[in-house]
Amino acid sequence: MLAPSLANHYQQLIEKPRDLTLIRLKLEQGLYYTTQDFADDVMLCFANAKLFCKEIPEFKGVYDAAVAI
């Protein structure tokens, strides 16, 4: 869970939020109609992580992992 100030920053910075929990829920509910839809969400999740985490020193590990993927 993000601190309120970071959550606000995330909401302002990230146009289309996506996280692994939401991806799992969509997968379990059969909301992906193609493998490309699923792949697009996964890539969006990591793109969001790179964008958000690169500005925050405490999240360097998350940024580095997202870049590696």
C-alpha atoms as a PDB file:
ATOM      1  CA  MET A   1       0.000   0.000   0.000  1.00  0.00           C
ATOM      2  CA  LEU A   2       1.372   3.374  -0.979  1.00  0.00           C
ATOM      3  CA  ALA A   3       1.507   6.346   1.350  1.00  0.00           C
ATOM      4  CA  PRO A   4      -1.243   8.847   0.475  1.00  0.00           C
ATOM      5  CA  SER A   5       1.202  11.334  -1.055  1.00  0.00           C
ATOM      6  CA  LEU A   6       2.723   8.630  -3.275  1.00  0.00           C
ATOM      7  CA  ALA A   7      -0.721   7.329  -4.204  1.00  0.00           C
ATOM      8  CA  ASN A   8      -1.729  10.812  -5.307  1.00  0.00           C
ATOM      9  CA  HIS A   9       1.473  11.145  -7.328  1.00  0.00           C
ATOM     10  CA  TYR A  10       0.837   7.741  -8.935  1.00  0.00           C
ATOM     11  CA  GLN A  11      -2.704   8.725  -9.897  1.00  0.00           C
ATOM     12  CA  GLN A  12      -1.467  11.959 -11.472  1.00  0.00           C
ATOM     13  CA  LEU A  13       1.424  10.322 -13.328  1.00  0.00           C
ATOM     14  CA  ILE A  14      -0.079   7.036 -14.534  1.00  0.00           C
ATOM     15  CA  GLU A  15      -2.752   7.440 -17.176  1.00  0.00           C
ATOM     16  CA  LYS A  16      -3.923   3.808 -17.260  1.00  0.00           C
ATOM     17  CA  PRO A  17      -3.151   1.988 -13.987  1.00  0.00           C
ATOM     18  CA  ARG A  18      -2.483  -1.712 -14.159  1.00  0.00           C
ATOM     19  CA  ASP A  19      -1.087  -4.051 -11.496  1.00  0.00           C
ATOM     20  CA  LEU A  20      -0.523  -7.779 -11.172  1.00  0.00           C
ATOM     21  CA  THR A  21      -3.495  -8.217  -8.828  1.00  0.00           C
ATOM     22  CA  LEU A  22      -5.860  -6.684 -11.370  1.00  0.00           C
ATOM     23  CA  ILE A  23      -4.309  -8.770 -14.139  1.00  0.00           C
ATOM     24  CA  ARG A  24      -4.835 -11.942 -12.086  1.00  0.00           C
ATOM     25  CA  LEU A  25      -8.463 -11.011 -11.391  1.00  0.00           C
ATOM     26  CA  LYS A  26      -9.137 -10.309 -15.064  1.00  0.00           C
ATOM     27  CA  LEU A  27      -7.519 -13.633 -15.975  1.00  0.00           C
ATOM     28  CA  GLU A  28      -9.568 -15.573 -13.404  1.00  0.00           C
ATOM     29  CA  GLN A  29     -12.772 -13.886 -14.593  1.00  0.00           C
ATOM     30  CA  GLY A  30     -12.075 -14.691 -18.232  1.00  0.00           C
ATOM     31  CA  LEU A  31     -11.850 -11.045 -19.242  1.00  0.00           C
ATOM     32  CA  TYR A  32      -8.935 -11.566 -21.617  1.00  0.00           C
ATOM     33  CA  TYR A  33     -10.212 -12.573 -25.024  1.00  0.00           C
ATOM     34  CA  THR A  34      -6.814 -12.920 -26.670  1.00  0.00           C
ATOM     35  CA  THR A  35      -3.306 -13.643 -25.498  1.00  0.00           C
ATOM     36  CA  GLN A  36      -2.375 -10.239 -26.915  1.00  0.00           C
ATOM     37  CA  ASP A  37      -4.848  -8.530 -24.543  1.00  0.00           C
ATOM     38  CA  PHE A  38      -3.165 -10.303 -21.629  1.00  0.00           C
ATOM     39  CA  ALA A  39       0.334  -9.469 -22.888  1.00  0.00           C
ATOM     40  CA  ASP A  40      -0.632  -5.818 -23.381  1.00  0.00           C
ATOM     41  CA  ASP A  41      -1.781  -5.545 -19.768  1.00  0.00           C
ATOM     42  CA  VAL A  42       1.391  -7.193 -18.459  1.00  0.00           C
ATOM     43  CA  MET A  43       3.569  -4.853 -20.519  1.00  0.00           C
ATOM     44  CA  LEU A  44       1.499  -1.856 -19.353  1.00  0.00           C
ATOM     45  CA  CYS A  45       2.013  -2.942 -15.746  1.00  0.00           C
ATOM     46  CA  PHE A  46       5.790  -2.951 -16.163  1.00  0.00           C
ATOM     47  CA  ALA A  47       5.811   0.267 -18.190  1.00  0.00           C
ATOM     48  CA  ASN A  48       3.872   1.955 -15.372  1.00  0.00           C
ATOM     49  CA  ALA A  49       6.340   0.589 -12.820  1.00  0.00           C
ATOM     50  CA  LYS A  50       9.273   1.970 -14.782  1.00  0.00           C
ATOM     51  CA  LEU A  51       7.667   5.380 -15.150  1.00  0.00           C
ATOM     52  CA  PHE A  52       6.607   5.705 -11.516  1.00  0.00           C
ATOM     53  CA  CYS A  53       9.491   4.004  -9.726  1.00  0.00           C
ATOM     54  CA  LYS A  54      12.355   5.693 -11.555  1.00  0.00           C
ATOM     55  CA  GLU A  55      11.657   8.926  -9.636  1.00  0.00           C
ATOM     56  CA  ILE A  56      11.591   7.339  -6.169  1.00  0.00           C
ATOM     57  CA  PRO A  57      14.882   6.121  -4.656  1.00  0.00           C
ATOM     58  CA  GLU A  58      13.106   3.652  -2.314  1.00  0.00           C
ATOM     59  CA  PHE A  59      11.668   1.882  -5.355  1.00  0.00           C
ATOM     60  CA  LYS A  60      14.947   1.486  -7.250  1.00  0.00           C
ATOM     61  CA  GLY A  61      14.721  -2.306  -6.955  1.00  0.00           C
ATOM     62  CA  VAL A  62      11.253  -2.337  -8.511  1.00  0.00           C
ATOM     63  CA  TYR A  63      12.442  -0.041 -11.303  1.00  0.00           C
ATOM     64  CA  ASP A  64      15.485  -2.223 -11.983  1.00  0.00           C
ATOM     65  CA  ALA A  65      13.329  -5.375 -12.094  1.00  0.00           C
ATOM     66  CA  ALA A  66      10.831  -3.740 -14.480  1.00  0.00           C
ATOM     67  CA  VAL A  67      13.653  -2.636 -16.770  1.00  0.00           C
ATOM     68  CA  ALA A  68      15.122  -6.150 -16.755  1.00  0.00           C
ATOM     69  CA  ILE A  69      11.821  -7.573 -17.965  1.00  0.00           C
END
